[in-house]
């Protein structure tokens, strides 16, 4: 989370006039794929990556790569994604 949120600036913004953060979208349990997590990152930013695939594709690739690099797999349990503030 620190890499994508702090390092890359992808964790949330104001969506429909309300604050949103990727943490709000992650379930307590269950499997989460890198692809799903990246979609949540875009949703938390209020962005639709399908609106401009050429523009957002490189960002999506980098965010998926960061997920796999840090999590060690393409799919992890949702509990592993909770923000560590330490």
PDB file of N, CA and C in Angstrom:
ATOM      1  N   UNK A   1       0.825  -1.193   0.000  1.00  0.00           N
ATOM      2  CA  UNK A   1       0.000   0.000   0.000  1.00  0.00           C
ATOM      3  C   UNK A   1       0.867   1.253   0.000  1.00  0.00           C
ATOM      4  N   UNK A   2       1.938   1.220   0.770  1.00  0.00           N
ATOM      5  CA  UNK A   2       2.771   2.420   0.859  1.00  0.00           C
ATOM      6  C   UNK A   2       3.352   2.782  -0.511  1.00  0.00           C
ATOM      7  N   UNK A   3       3.769   1.787  -1.281  1.00  0.00           N
ATOM      8  CA  UNK A   3       4.346   2.053  -2.595  1.00  0.00           C
ATOM      9  C   UNK A   3       3.325   2.707  -3.519  1.00  0.00           C
ATOM     10  N   UNK A   4       2.135   2.129  -3.639  1.00  0.00           N
ATOM     11  CA  UNK A   4       1.154   2.694  -4.570  1.00  0.00           C
ATOM     12  C   UNK A   4       0.491   3.946  -4.031  1.00  0.00           C
ATOM     13  N   UNK A   5       0.303   4.045  -2.723  1.00  0.00           N
ATOM     14  CA  UNK A   5      -0.377   5.215  -2.152  1.00  0.00           C
ATOM     15  C   UNK A   5       0.564   6.401  -1.965  1.00  0.00           C
ATOM     16  N   UNK A   6       1.651   6.169  -1.299  1.00  0.00           N
ATOM     17  CA  UNK A   6       2.579   7.257  -1.002  1.00  0.00           C
ATOM     18  C   UNK A   6       3.553   7.455  -2.167  1.00  0.00           C
ATOM     19  N   UNK A   7       4.149   6.371  -2.616  1.00  0.00           N
ATOM     20  CA  UNK A   7       5.141   6.467  -3.667  1.00  0.00           C
ATOM     21  C   UNK A   7       4.593   6.873  -5.021  1.00  0.00           C
ATOM     22  N   UNK A   8       3.451   6.291  -5.402  1.00  0.00           N
ATOM     23  CA  UNK A   8       2.901   6.547  -6.721  1.00  0.00           C
ATOM     24  C   UNK A   8       1.688   7.483  -6.694  1.00  0.00           C
ATOM     25  N   UNK A   9       1.149   7.761  -5.503  1.00  0.00           N
ATOM     26  CA  UNK A   9       0.031   8.687  -5.390  1.00  0.00           C
ATOM     27  C   UNK A   9      -1.320   8.146  -5.820  1.00  0.00           C
ATOM     28  N   UNK A  10      -1.493   6.830  -5.777  1.00  0.00           N
ATOM     29  CA  UNK A  10      -2.736   6.197  -6.209  1.00  0.00           C
ATOM     30  C   UNK A  10      -3.463   5.583  -5.020  1.00  0.00           C
ATOM     31  N   UNK A  11      -4.294   6.304  -4.348  1.00  0.00           N
ATOM     32  CA  UNK A  11      -5.075   5.668  -3.289  1.00  0.00           C
ATOM     33  C   UNK A  11      -6.430   6.302  -3.082  1.00  0.00           C
ATOM     34  N   UNK A  12      -6.635   7.444  -3.633  1.00  0.00           N
ATOM     35  CA  UNK A  12      -7.951   8.028  -3.475  1.00  0.00           C
ATOM     36  C   UNK A  12      -7.973   9.507  -3.739  1.00  0.00           C
ATOM     37  N   UNK A  13      -9.184   9.995  -3.735  1.00  0.00           N
ATOM     38  CA  UNK A  13      -9.415  11.403  -3.979  1.00  0.00           C
ATOM     39  C   UNK A  13     -10.851  11.743  -3.643  1.00  0.00           C
ATOM     40  N   UNK A  14     -11.351  12.782  -4.233  1.00  0.00           N
ATOM     41  CA  UNK A  14     -12.744  13.181  -4.055  1.00  0.00           C
ATOM     42  C   UNK A  14     -13.536  12.614  -5.228  1.00  0.00           C
ATOM     43  N   UNK A  15     -14.512  11.784  -4.921  1.00  0.00           N
ATOM     44  CA  UNK A  15     -15.343  11.155  -5.942  1.00  0.00           C
ATOM     45  C   UNK A  15     -16.787  11.511  -5.644  1.00  0.00           C
ATOM     46  N   UNK A  16     -17.446  12.135  -6.601  1.00  0.00           N
ATOM     47  CA  UNK A  16     -18.835  12.580  -6.421  1.00  0.00           C
ATOM     48  C   UNK A  16     -18.984  13.451  -5.178  1.00  0.00           C
ATOM     49  N   UNK A  17     -17.993  14.289  -4.945  1.00  0.00           N
ATOM     50  CA  UNK A  17     -18.046  15.228  -3.832  1.00  0.00           C
ATOM     51  C   UNK A  17     -17.733  14.642  -2.469  1.00  0.00           C
ATOM     52  N   UNK A  18     -17.333  13.379  -2.424  1.00  0.00           N
ATOM     53  CA  UNK A  18     -17.027  12.699  -1.158  1.00  0.00           C
ATOM     54  C   UNK A  18     -15.613  12.127  -1.200  1.00  0.00           C
ATOM     55  N   UNK A  19     -14.921  12.148  -0.044  1.00  0.00           N
ATOM     56  CA  UNK A  19     -13.603  11.514  -0.003  1.00  0.00           C
ATOM     57  C   UNK A  19     -13.727  10.011  -0.259  1.00  0.00           C
ATOM     58  N   UNK A  20     -12.792   9.475  -1.005  1.00  0.00           N
ATOM     59  CA  UNK A  20     -12.760   8.038  -1.274  1.00  0.00           C
ATOM     60  C   UNK A  20     -11.319   7.573  -1.144  1.00  0.00           C
ATOM     61  N   UNK A  21     -11.152   6.371  -0.646  1.00  0.00           N
ATOM     62  CA  UNK A  21      -9.828   5.772  -0.490  1.00  0.00           C
ATOM     63  C   UNK A  21      -9.944   4.304  -0.855  1.00  0.00           C
ATOM     64  N   UNK A  22      -8.897   3.743  -1.422  1.00  0.00           N
ATOM     65  CA  UNK A  22      -8.924   2.344  -1.823  1.00  0.00           C
ATOM     66  C   UNK A  22      -9.272   1.433  -0.645  1.00  0.00           C
ATOM     67  N   UNK A  23      -8.892   1.805   0.569  1.00  0.00           N
ATOM     68  CA  UNK A  23      -9.241   0.998   1.752  1.00  0.00           C
ATOM     69  C   UNK A  23     -10.749   0.796   1.883  1.00  0.00           C
ATOM     70  N   UNK A  24     -11.534   1.773   1.452  1.00  0.00           N
ATOM     71  CA  UNK A  24     -12.993   1.676   1.550  1.00  0.00           C
ATOM     72  C   UNK A  24     -13.532   0.583   0.636  1.00  0.00           C
ATOM     73  N   UNK A  25     -12.774   0.192  -0.361  1.00  0.00           N
ATOM     74  CA  UNK A  25     -13.235  -0.753  -1.376  1.00  0.00           C
ATOM     75  C   UNK A  25     -12.763  -2.181  -1.144  1.00  0.00           C
ATOM     76  N   UNK A  26     -11.790  -2.369  -0.291  1.00  0.00           N
ATOM     77  CA  UNK A  26     -11.233  -3.697  -0.036  1.00  0.00           C
ATOM     78  C   UNK A  26     -12.109  -4.429   0.976  1.00  0.00           C
ATOM     79  N   UNK A  27     -12.587  -5.622   0.629  1.00  0.00           N
ATOM     80  CA  UNK A  27     -13.393  -6.385   1.588  1.00  0.00           C
ATOM     81  C   UNK A  27     -12.546  -6.884   2.757  1.00  0.00           C
ATOM     82  N   UNK A  28     -13.193  -7.283   3.812  1.00  0.00           N
ATOM     83  CA  UNK A  28     -12.479  -7.808   4.987  1.00  0.00           C
ATOM     84  C   UNK A  28     -11.809  -9.144   4.685  1.00  0.00           C
ATOM     85  N   UNK A  29     -12.466  -9.974   3.902  1.00  0.00           N
ATOM     86  CA  UNK A  29     -11.934 -11.297   3.579  1.00  0.00           C
ATOM     87  C   UNK A  29     -12.185 -11.602   2.113  1.00  0.00           C
ATOM     88  N   UNK A  30     -11.580 -12.674   1.668  1.00  0.00           N
ATOM     89  CA  UNK A  30     -11.760 -13.112   0.293  1.00  0.00           C
ATOM     90  C   UNK A  30     -10.512 -12.854  -0.527  1.00  0.00           C
ATOM     91  N   UNK A  31     -10.494 -13.423  -1.693  1.00  0.00           N
ATOM     92  CA  UNK A  31      -9.352 -13.281  -2.588  1.00  0.00           C
ATOM     93  C   UNK A  31      -9.455 -11.988  -3.378  1.00  0.00           C
ATOM     94  N   UNK A  32      -8.303 -11.353  -3.563  1.00  0.00           N
ATOM     95  CA  UNK A  32      -8.214 -10.133  -4.356  1.00  0.00           C
ATOM     96  C   UNK A  32      -7.078 -10.316  -5.358  1.00  0.00           C
ATOM     97  N   UNK A  33      -7.399 -10.113  -6.623  1.00  0.00           N
ATOM     98  CA  UNK A  33      -6.377 -10.218  -7.659  1.00  0.00           C
ATOM     99  C   UNK A  33      -5.708  -8.859  -7.870  1.00  0.00           C
ATOM    100  N   UNK A  34      -4.551  -8.904  -8.482  1.00  0.00           N
ATOM    101  CA  UNK A  34      -3.861  -7.664  -8.816  1.00  0.00           C
ATOM    102  C   UNK A  34      -4.750  -6.801  -9.704  1.00  0.00           C
ATOM    103  N   UNK A  35      -5.420  -7.427 -10.659  1.00  0.00           N
ATOM    104  CA  UNK A  35      -6.300  -6.689 -11.577  1.00  0.00           C
ATOM    105  C   UNK A  35      -7.429  -5.996 -10.816  1.00  0.00           C
ATOM    106  N   UNK A  36      -8.058  -6.706  -9.868  1.00  0.00           N
ATOM    107  CA  UNK A  36      -9.141  -6.102  -9.091  1.00  0.00           C
ATOM    108  C   UNK A  36      -8.628  -4.944  -8.250  1.00  0.00           C
ATOM    109  N   UNK A  37      -7.472  -5.116  -7.627  1.00  0.00           N
ATOM    110  CA  UNK A  37      -6.903  -4.061  -6.811  1.00  0.00           C
ATOM    111  C   UNK A  37      -6.632  -2.811  -7.649  1.00  0.00           C
ATOM    112  N   UNK A  38      -6.091  -2.997  -8.842  1.00  0.00           N
ATOM    113  CA  UNK A  38      -5.819  -1.864  -9.725  1.00  0.00           C
ATOM    114  C   UNK A  38      -7.121  -1.166 -10.106  1.00  0.00           C
ATOM    115  N   UNK A  39      -8.172  -1.930 -10.372  1.00  0.00           N
ATOM    116  CA  UNK A  39      -9.470  -1.323 -10.683  1.00  0.00           C
ATOM    117  C   UNK A  39      -9.962  -0.488  -9.500  1.00  0.00           C
ATOM    118  N   UNK A  40      -9.763  -0.991  -8.284  1.00  0.00           N
ATOM    119  CA  UNK A  40     -10.169  -0.228  -7.091  1.00  0.00           C
ATOM    120  C   UNK A  40      -9.354   1.045  -6.944  1.00  0.00           C
ATOM    121  N   UNK A  41      -8.066   0.982  -7.279  1.00  0.00           N
ATOM    122  CA  UNK A  41      -7.243   2.193  -7.225  1.00  0.00           C
ATOM    123  C   UNK A  41      -7.804   3.270  -8.151  1.00  0.00           C
ATOM    124  N   UNK A  42      -8.157   2.879  -9.360  1.00  0.00           N
ATOM    125  CA  UNK A  42      -8.742   3.841 -10.302  1.00  0.00           C
ATOM    126  C   UNK A  42     -10.097   4.343  -9.798  1.00  0.00           C
ATOM    127  N   UNK A  43     -10.910   3.442  -9.273  1.00  0.00           N
ATOM    128  CA  UNK A  43     -12.220   3.834  -8.741  1.00  0.00           C
ATOM    129  C   UNK A  43     -12.066   4.834  -7.601  1.00  0.00           C
ATOM    130  N   UNK A  44     -11.112   4.590  -6.714  1.00  0.00           N
ATOM    131  CA  UNK A  44     -10.883   5.485  -5.576  1.00  0.00           C
ATOM    132  C   UNK A  44     -10.421   6.865  -6.031  1.00  0.00           C
ATOM    133  N   UNK A  45      -9.812   6.934  -7.209  1.00  0.00           N
ATOM    134  CA  UNK A  45      -9.374   8.209  -7.774  1.00  0.00           C
ATOM    135  C   UNK A  45     -10.480   8.878  -8.592  1.00  0.00           C
ATOM    136  N   UNK A  46     -11.572   8.132  -8.817  1.00  0.00           N
ATOM    137  CA  UNK A  46     -12.652   8.667  -9.639  1.00  0.00           C
ATOM    138  C   UNK A  46     -12.336   8.629 -11.121  1.00  0.00           C
ATOM    139  N   UNK A  47     -11.499   7.680 -11.530  1.00  0.00           N
ATOM    140  CA  UNK A  47     -11.066   7.574 -12.923  1.00  0.00           C
ATOM    141  C   UNK A  47     -11.584   6.292 -13.563  1.00  0.00           C
ATOM    142  N   UNK A  48     -11.876   6.374 -14.844  1.00  0.00           N
ATOM    143  CA  UNK A  48     -12.296   5.207 -15.627  1.00  0.00           C
ATOM    144  C   UNK A  48     -11.184   4.893 -16.628  1.00  0.00           C
ATOM    145  N   UNK A  49     -10.379   3.862 -16.354  1.00  0.00           N
ATOM    146  CA  UNK A  49      -9.252   3.581 -17.240  1.00  0.00           C
ATOM    147  C   UNK A  49      -9.674   3.168 -18.645  1.00  0.00           C
ATOM    148  N   UNK A  50     -10.903   2.699 -18.804  1.00  0.00           N
ATOM    149  CA  UNK A  50     -11.354   2.307 -20.136  1.00  0.00           C
ATOM    150  C   UNK A  50     -11.676   3.522 -21.003  1.00  0.00           C
ATOM    151  N   UNK A  51     -11.765   4.699 -20.380  1.00  0.00           N
ATOM    152  CA  UNK A  51     -12.066   5.906 -21.142  1.00  0.00           C
ATOM    153  C   UNK A  51     -10.906   6.319 -22.048  1.00  0.00           C
ATOM    154  N   UNK A  52      -9.685   6.028 -21.623  1.00  0.00           N
ATOM    155  CA  UNK A  52      -8.495   6.351 -22.407  1.00  0.00           C
ATOM    156  C   UNK A  52      -7.453   5.249 -22.207  1.00  0.00           C
ATOM    157  N   UNK A  53      -7.678   4.095 -22.831  1.00  0.00           N
ATOM    158  CA  UNK A  53      -6.778   2.955 -22.609  1.00  0.00           C
ATOM    159  C   UNK A  53      -5.309   3.250 -22.891  1.00  0.00           C
ATOM    160  N   UNK A  54      -5.036   4.024 -23.920  1.00  0.00           N
ATOM    161  CA  UNK A  54      -3.636   4.327 -24.236  1.00  0.00           C
ATOM    162  C   UNK A  54      -2.993   5.149 -23.127  1.00  0.00           C
ATOM    163  N   UNK A  55      -3.751   6.047 -22.550  1.00  0.00           N
ATOM    164  CA  UNK A  55      -3.233   6.904 -21.478  1.00  0.00           C
ATOM    165  C   UNK A  55      -3.032   6.129 -20.189  1.00  0.00           C
ATOM    166  N   UNK A  56      -3.993   5.298 -19.825  1.00  0.00           N
ATOM    167  CA  UNK A  56      -3.966   4.637 -18.521  1.00  0.00           C
ATOM    168  C   UNK A  56      -3.295   3.268 -18.518  1.00  0.00           C
ATOM    169  N   UNK A  57      -3.075   2.677 -19.691  1.00  0.00           N
ATOM    170  CA  UNK A  57      -2.508   1.330 -19.751  1.00  0.00           C
ATOM    171  C   UNK A  57      -1.172   1.185 -19.056  1.00  0.00           C
ATOM    172  N   UNK A  58      -0.272   2.142 -19.270  1.00  0.00           N
ATOM    173  CA  UNK A  58       1.051   2.077 -18.646  1.00  0.00           C
ATOM    174  C   UNK A  58       0.932   2.163 -17.122  1.00  0.00           C
ATOM    175  N   UNK A  59       0.019   3.008 -16.632  1.00  0.00           N
ATOM    176  CA  UNK A  59      -0.197   3.117 -15.188  1.00  0.00           C
ATOM    177  C   UNK A  59      -0.730   1.800 -14.619  1.00  0.00           C
ATOM    178  N   UNK A  60      -1.710   1.225 -15.308  1.00  0.00           N
ATOM    179  CA  UNK A  60      -2.269  -0.049 -14.846  1.00  0.00           C
ATOM    180  C   UNK A  60      -1.187  -1.117 -14.775  1.00  0.00           C
ATOM    181  N   UNK A  61      -0.344  -1.194 -15.808  1.00  0.00           N
ATOM    182  CA  UNK A  61       0.729  -2.194 -15.820  1.00  0.00           C
ATOM    183  C   UNK A  61       1.671  -2.002 -14.632  1.00  0.00           C
ATOM    184  N   UNK A  62       2.054  -0.773 -14.365  1.00  0.00           N
ATOM    185  CA  UNK A  62       2.958  -0.491 -13.246  1.00  0.00           C
ATOM    186  C   UNK A  62       2.333  -0.802 -11.897  1.00  0.00           C
ATOM    187  N   UNK A  63       1.043  -0.520 -11.760  1.00  0.00           N
ATOM    188  CA  UNK A  63       0.354  -0.793 -10.493  1.00  0.00           C
ATOM    189  C   UNK A  63       0.192  -2.296 -10.283  1.00  0.00           C
ATOM    190  N   UNK A  64      -0.131  -3.037 -11.345  1.00  0.00           N
ATOM    191  CA  UNK A  64      -0.213  -4.508 -11.231  1.00  0.00           C
ATOM    192  C   UNK A  64       1.148  -5.081 -10.859  1.00  0.00           C
ATOM    193  N   UNK A  65       2.206  -4.575 -11.488  1.00  0.00           N
ATOM    194  CA  UNK A  65       3.556  -5.047 -11.197  1.00  0.00           C
ATOM    195  C   UNK A  65       3.909  -4.790  -9.735  1.00  0.00           C
ATOM    196  N   UNK A  66       3.553  -3.616  -9.221  1.00  0.00           N
ATOM    197  CA  UNK A  66       3.841  -3.293  -7.813  1.00  0.00           C
ATOM    198  C   UNK A  66       3.087  -4.236  -6.886  1.00  0.00           C
ATOM    199  N   UNK A  67       1.834  -4.558  -7.216  1.00  0.00           N
ATOM    200  CA  UNK A  67       1.036  -5.485  -6.405  1.00  0.00           C
ATOM    201  C   UNK A  67       1.748  -6.835  -6.317  1.00  0.00           C
ATOM    202  N   UNK A  68       2.110  -7.399  -7.459  1.00  0.00           N
ATOM    203  CA  UNK A  68       2.748  -8.723  -7.479  1.00  0.00           C
ATOM    204  C   UNK A  68       4.106  -8.681  -6.786  1.00  0.00           C
ATOM    205  N   UNK A  69       4.861  -7.627  -7.020  1.00  0.00           N
ATOM    206  CA  UNK A  69       6.195  -7.512  -6.396  1.00  0.00           C
ATOM    207  C   UNK A  69       6.092  -7.479  -4.877  1.00  0.00           C
ATOM    208  N   UNK A  70       5.167  -6.704  -4.361  1.00  0.00           N
ATOM    209  CA  UNK A  70       5.060  -6.557  -2.912  1.00  0.00           C
ATOM    210  C   UNK A  70       4.289  -7.689  -2.243  1.00  0.00           C
ATOM    211  N   UNK A  71       3.284  -8.219  -2.939  1.00  0.00           N
ATOM    212  CA  UNK A  71       2.454  -9.260  -2.333  1.00  0.00           C
ATOM    213  C   UNK A  71       2.983 -10.666  -2.604  1.00  0.00           C
ATOM    214  N   UNK A  72       3.854 -10.796  -3.604  1.00  0.00           N
ATOM    215  CA  UNK A  72       4.447 -12.091  -3.902  1.00  0.00           C
ATOM    216  C   UNK A  72       3.556 -13.016  -4.701  1.00  0.00           C
ATOM    217  N   UNK A  73       2.416 -12.522  -5.155  1.00  0.00           N
ATOM    218  CA  UNK A  73       1.485 -13.341  -5.934  1.00  0.00           C
ATOM    219  C   UNK A  73       0.513 -12.434  -6.667  1.00  0.00           C
ATOM    220  N   UNK A  74      -0.171 -13.006  -7.642  1.00  0.00           N
ATOM    221  CA  UNK A  74      -1.172 -12.262  -8.410  1.00  0.00           C
ATOM    222  C   UNK A  74      -2.512 -12.200  -7.675  1.00  0.00           C
ATOM    223  N   UNK A  75      -2.715 -13.107  -6.716  1.00  0.00           N
ATOM    224  CA  UNK A  75      -3.948 -13.150  -5.924  1.00  0.00           C
ATOM    225  C   UNK A  75      -3.567 -13.344  -4.461  1.00  0.00           C
ATOM    226  N   UNK A  76      -4.153 -12.531  -3.575  1.00  0.00           N
ATOM    227  CA  UNK A  76      -3.885 -12.636  -2.135  1.00  0.00           C
ATOM    228  C   UNK A  76      -5.192 -12.497  -1.366  1.00  0.00           C
ATOM    229  N   UNK A  77      -5.142 -12.820  -0.082  1.00  0.00           N
ATOM    230  CA  UNK A  77      -6.301 -12.598   0.773  1.00  0.00           C
ATOM    231  C   UNK A  77      -6.430 -11.107   1.054  1.00  0.00           C
ATOM    232  N   UNK A  78      -7.644 -10.630   1.085  1.00  0.00           N
ATOM    233  CA  UNK A  78      -7.914  -9.205   1.295  1.00  0.00           C
ATOM    234  C   UNK A  78      -7.281  -8.669   2.570  1.00  0.00           C
ATOM    235  N   UNK A  79      -7.189  -9.484   3.598  1.00  0.00           N
ATOM    236  CA  UNK A  79      -6.629  -9.017   4.868  1.00  0.00           C
ATOM    237  C   UNK A  79      -5.172  -8.583   4.721  1.00  0.00           C
ATOM    238  N   UNK A  80      -4.471  -9.111   3.728  1.00  0.00           N
ATOM    239  CA  UNK A  80      -3.072  -8.743   3.504  1.00  0.00           C
ATOM    240  C   UNK A  80      -2.938  -7.336   2.919  1.00  0.00           C
ATOM    241  N   UNK A  81      -4.033  -6.755   2.459  1.00  0.00           N
ATOM    242  CA  UNK A  81      -3.997  -5.447   1.804  1.00  0.00           C
ATOM    243  C   UNK A  81      -4.326  -4.292   2.732  1.00  0.00           C
ATOM    244  N   UNK A  82      -4.653  -4.577   3.948  1.00  0.00           N
ATOM    245  CA  UNK A  82      -5.011  -3.494   4.862  1.00  0.00           C
ATOM    246  C   UNK A  82      -3.792  -2.623   5.140  1.00  0.00           C
ATOM    247  N   UNK A  83      -4.007  -1.335   5.174  1.00  0.00           N
ATOM    248  CA  UNK A  83      -2.963  -0.325   5.341  1.00  0.00           C
ATOM    249  C   UNK A  83      -2.204  -0.542   6.642  1.00  0.00           C
ATOM    250  N   UNK A  84      -0.901  -0.575   6.535  1.00  0.00           N
ATOM    251  CA  UNK A  84      -0.031  -0.676   7.707  1.00  0.00           C
ATOM    252  C   UNK A  84       0.546   0.706   7.982  1.00  0.00           C
ATOM    253  N   UNK A  85       0.095   1.343   9.054  1.00  0.00           N
ATOM    254  CA  UNK A  85       0.521   2.709   9.350  1.00  0.00           C
ATOM    255  C   UNK A  85       1.807   2.773  10.142  1.00  0.00           C
ATOM    256  N   UNK A  86       2.404   1.627  10.440  1.00  0.00           N
ATOM    257  CA  UNK A  86       3.648   1.646  11.216  1.00  0.00           C
ATOM    258  C   UNK A  86       4.837   2.015  10.374  1.00  0.00           C
TER     259      UNK A  86
END
